[in-house]
Protein backbone atom coordinates (compact mmCIF):
# COMPACT_ATOMS: atom_id res chain seq x y z
CA UNK A 1 -0.99 -10.26 -7.63
CA UNK A 2 -3.25 -12.72 -5.92
CA UNK A 3 -4.96 -11.69 -2.72
CA UNK A 4 -7.90 -14.03 -3.25
CA UNK A 5 -7.05 -15.94 -0.06
CA UNK A 6 -7.86 -12.74 1.90
CA UNK A 7 -11.53 -12.85 0.90
CA UNK A 8 -13.83 -13.50 3.83
CA UNK A 9 -17.61 -13.75 4.21
CA UNK A 10 -17.58 -11.03 6.89
CA UNK A 11 -16.38 -8.60 4.20
CA UNK A 12 -19.45 -9.17 2.02
CA UNK A 13 -22.42 -6.96 2.82
CA UNK A 14 -26.04 -7.29 1.78
CA UNK A 15 -26.97 -3.73 0.85
CA UNK A 16 -30.70 -4.45 1.19
CA UNK A 17 -30.17 -4.83 4.93
CA UNK A 18 -28.55 -1.38 5.33
CA UNK A 19 -31.20 1.06 6.57
CA UNK A 20 -29.71 4.58 6.53
CA UNK A 21 -26.25 4.27 8.04
CA UNK A 22 -24.51 1.40 9.76
CA UNK A 23 -21.11 1.20 11.44
CA UNK A 24 -18.83 -1.83 11.58
CA UNK A 25 -15.60 -2.59 13.45
CA UNK A 26 -13.58 -5.80 13.56
CA UNK A 27 -10.12 -7.32 13.20
CA UNK A 28 -8.82 -9.57 10.44
CA UNK A 29 -6.01 -12.07 10.98
CA UNK A 30 -4.29 -11.69 7.62
CA UNK A 31 -0.75 -13.11 7.43
CA UNK A 32 0.54 -11.47 4.23
CA UNK A 33 -0.45 -9.21 1.38
CA UNK A 34 0.60 -9.48 -2.25
CA UNK A 35 1.78 -6.17 -3.76
CA UNK A 36 3.43 -5.14 -7.04
CA UNK A 37 6.74 -5.01 -5.09
CA UNK A 38 6.31 -8.51 -3.68
CA UNK A 39 4.63 -10.26 -0.77
CA UNK A 40 4.77 -8.44 2.57
CA UNK A 41 4.12 -10.03 5.97
CA UNK A 42 1.39 -8.50 8.09
CA UNK A 43 2.62 -8.70 11.69
CA UNK A 44 -0.45 -7.45 13.58
CA UNK A 45 -4.20 -7.91 13.12
CA UNK A 46 -5.79 -5.64 10.52
CA UNK A 47 -8.02 -3.32 12.54
CA UNK A 48 -10.98 -2.06 10.48
CA UNK A 49 -13.63 0.55 11.26
CA UNK A 50 -16.07 1.85 8.66
CA UNK A 51 -19.60 2.94 7.99
CA UNK A 52 -21.92 2.34 5.06
CA UNK A 53 -24.36 5.13 4.36
CA UNK A 54 -27.31 4.82 1.99
CA UNK A 55 -28.17 7.59 -0.47
CA UNK A 56 -30.53 7.88 -3.45
CA UNK A 57 -28.07 6.37 -5.96
CA UNK A 58 -26.30 3.76 -3.85
CA UNK A 59 -24.00 3.63 -0.85
CA UNK A 60 -21.00 5.51 0.49
CA UNK A 61 -18.34 3.55 2.32
CA UNK A 62 -15.93 5.44 4.61
CA UNK A 63 -13.53 4.15 7.19
CA UNK A 64 -10.02 3.43 8.32
CA UNK A 65 -7.65 0.49 8.38
CA UNK A 66 -4.68 0.04 10.73
CA UNK A 67 -2.05 -2.68 10.83
CA UNK A 68 1.70 -3.25 10.92
CA UNK A 69 3.54 -4.53 7.85
CA UNK A 70 7.07 -5.94 7.70
CA UNK A 71 9.13 -4.10 5.06
CA UNK A 72 12.75 -4.16 3.89
CA UNK A 73 14.70 -0.89 4.11
CA UNK A 74 15.73 0.26 0.65
CA UNK A 75 19.10 1.54 1.95
CA UNK A 76 20.41 -1.01 4.48
CA UNK A 77 18.26 -3.99 3.39
CA UNK A 78 17.18 -4.82 6.96
CA UNK A 79 13.63 -5.85 7.80
CA UNK A 80 11.62 -3.46 9.93
CA UNK A 81 7.96 -2.93 10.90
CA UNK A 82 5.94 -0.03 9.49
CA UNK A 83 2.63 1.08 11.03
CA UNK A 84 -0.01 1.50 8.35
CA UNK A 85 -2.96 3.85 8.78
CA UNK A 86 -5.09 3.74 5.66
CA UNK A 87 -8.39 5.30 4.69
CA UNK A 88 -11.27 3.62 2.91
CA UNK A 89 -13.57 5.65 0.71
CA UNK A 90 -15.73 4.23 -2.03
CA UNK A 91 -18.98 5.09 -3.75
CA UNK A 92 -21.10 2.07 -4.63
CA UNK A 93 -23.57 3.23 -7.24
CA UNK A 94 -26.37 1.12 -8.66
CA UNK A 95 -25.69 0.07 -12.27
CA UNK A 96 -28.98 1.60 -13.40
CA UNK A 97 -27.25 5.00 -12.97
CA UNK A 98 -24.26 3.94 -15.12
CA UNK A 99 -25.32 5.96 -18.20
CA UNK A 100 -26.05 9.02 -16.09
CA UNK A 101 -22.56 8.98 -14.57
CA UNK A 102 -20.62 8.13 -17.72
CA UNK A 103 -22.36 10.81 -19.78
CA UNK A 104 -21.99 13.56 -17.21
CA UNK A 105 -19.18 15.23 -15.37
CA UNK A 106 -20.29 13.62 -12.12
CA UNK A 107 -17.91 10.73 -12.80
CA UNK A 108 -14.89 13.04 -13.07
CA UNK A 109 -15.74 14.75 -9.79
CA UNK A 110 -15.92 11.49 -7.80
CA UNK A 111 -13.07 9.10 -7.23
CA UNK A 112 -13.43 5.45 -6.37
CA UNK A 113 -16.82 4.79 -7.98
CA UNK A 114 -17.84 1.14 -8.08
CA UNK A 115 -20.98 0.17 -9.94
CA UNK A 116 -22.96 -2.73 -8.52
CA UNK A 117 -25.86 -4.76 -9.87
CA UNK A 118 -26.29 -7.36 -7.16
CA UNK A 119 -27.30 -6.27 -3.70
CA UNK A 120 -24.13 -7.69 -2.17
CA UNK A 121 -20.74 -5.98 -2.22
CA UNK A 122 -17.34 -7.33 -1.19
CA UNK A 123 -15.13 -4.68 0.46
CA UNK A 124 -11.97 -6.84 0.51
CA UNK A 125 -10.43 -4.89 -2.38
CA UNK A 126 -11.07 -1.55 -0.64
CA UNK A 127 -9.21 -2.78 2.47
CA UNK A 128 -6.28 -4.13 0.44
CA UNK A 129 -6.17 -0.88 -1.55
CA UNK A 130 -6.04 1.24 1.63
CA UNK A 131 -3.07 -0.77 2.91
CA UNK A 132 -1.22 -0.67 -0.42
CA UNK A 133 -1.63 3.10 -0.70
CA UNK A 134 0.18 3.58 2.62
CA UNK A 135 3.20 1.37 1.92
CA UNK A 136 6.06 3.77 1.09
CA UNK A 137 7.59 3.65 -2.41
CA UNK A 138 11.05 3.75 -0.86
CA UNK A 139 10.81 2.10 2.57
CA UNK A 140 13.33 3.38 5.12
CA UNK A 141 13.93 1.85 8.56
CA UNK A 142 14.64 5.39 9.79
CA UNK A 143 14.82 8.76 8.07
CA UNK A 144 18.58 9.08 8.44
CA UNK A 145 19.47 5.50 7.46
CA UNK A 146 23.02 5.61 6.06
CA UNK A 147 22.65 2.41 4.01
CA UNK A 148 25.45 0.13 2.90
CA UNK A 149 29.04 0.92 1.87
CA UNK A 150 29.08 0.90 -1.95
CA UNK A 151 32.51 -0.74 -1.93
CA UNK A 152 32.29 -3.57 0.62
CA UNK A 153 28.61 -3.61 1.63
CA UNK A 154 29.12 -3.06 5.35
CA UNK A 155 26.16 -1.46 7.19
CA UNK A 156 27.08 2.20 7.71
CA UNK A 157 24.50 2.56 10.50
CA UNK A 158 26.42 0.06 12.62
CA UNK A 159 29.87 1.37 11.52
CA UNK A 160 29.49 5.13 10.98
CA UNK A 161 33.27 5.72 10.93
CA UNK A 162 33.87 3.08 8.24
CA UNK A 163 36.39 4.17 5.54
CA UNK A 164 38.58 2.52 2.95
CA UNK A 165 42.34 3.19 2.74
CA UNK A 166 42.36 3.82 -0.98
CA UNK A 167 39.71 4.92 -3.38
CA UNK A 168 38.02 1.97 -5.02
CA UNK A 169 37.77 2.05 -8.80
CA UNK A 170 35.42 -0.35 -10.50
CA UNK A 171 37.60 -2.34 -12.95
CA UNK A 172 34.94 -1.92 -15.64
CA UNK A 173 35.56 1.83 -15.62
CA UNK A 174 39.38 1.83 -15.28
CA UNK A 175 39.92 2.56 -18.99
CA UNK A 176 37.58 5.55 -18.80
CA UNK A 177 39.60 6.94 -15.90
CA UNK A 178 42.78 6.60 -18.03
CA UNK A 179 41.14 8.79 -20.71
CA UNK A 180 40.39 11.51 -18.18
CA UNK A 181 43.89 11.31 -16.66
CA UNK A 182 45.47 11.69 -20.15
CA UNK A 183 43.62 14.98 -20.65
CA UNK A 184 45.24 16.52 -17.55
């Protein structure tokens, strides 16, 4: 997976300039996102809102990401658009606290901990992660998608009354069917 082309200077924040809490909101014009399942087109701007809050050990990043991604239905194989509403949550902790967190149970109680040593952090990966987490494992254009006919491949959504005259038997399994018919 290579989403390096999505990196942008407006997604890099100088933590020294964050006082207590700061809020940010903007849109990104990303065209596509690379995922383990393949490359998906992003068909609307990525709308981002988040805040960075300073604490004694580092910074907490919380926010939301919204966009529309073009997916392929896993039943009928047609392209459709899916609205994505993701959440961003990350804990940026100064590396000087690394030993404290790895030797205690604090690490187990917090998800999404990122240790930093420089005073600049890039939140691109958090945005990508929030989009990826919302893409369904089995995309469906609609909940009751009927899919394709297993015999001829016709779209059963467009032809709900579609039937075949005789039962289709895969020629690779014909001999097995003969075995079962002999037992009767």
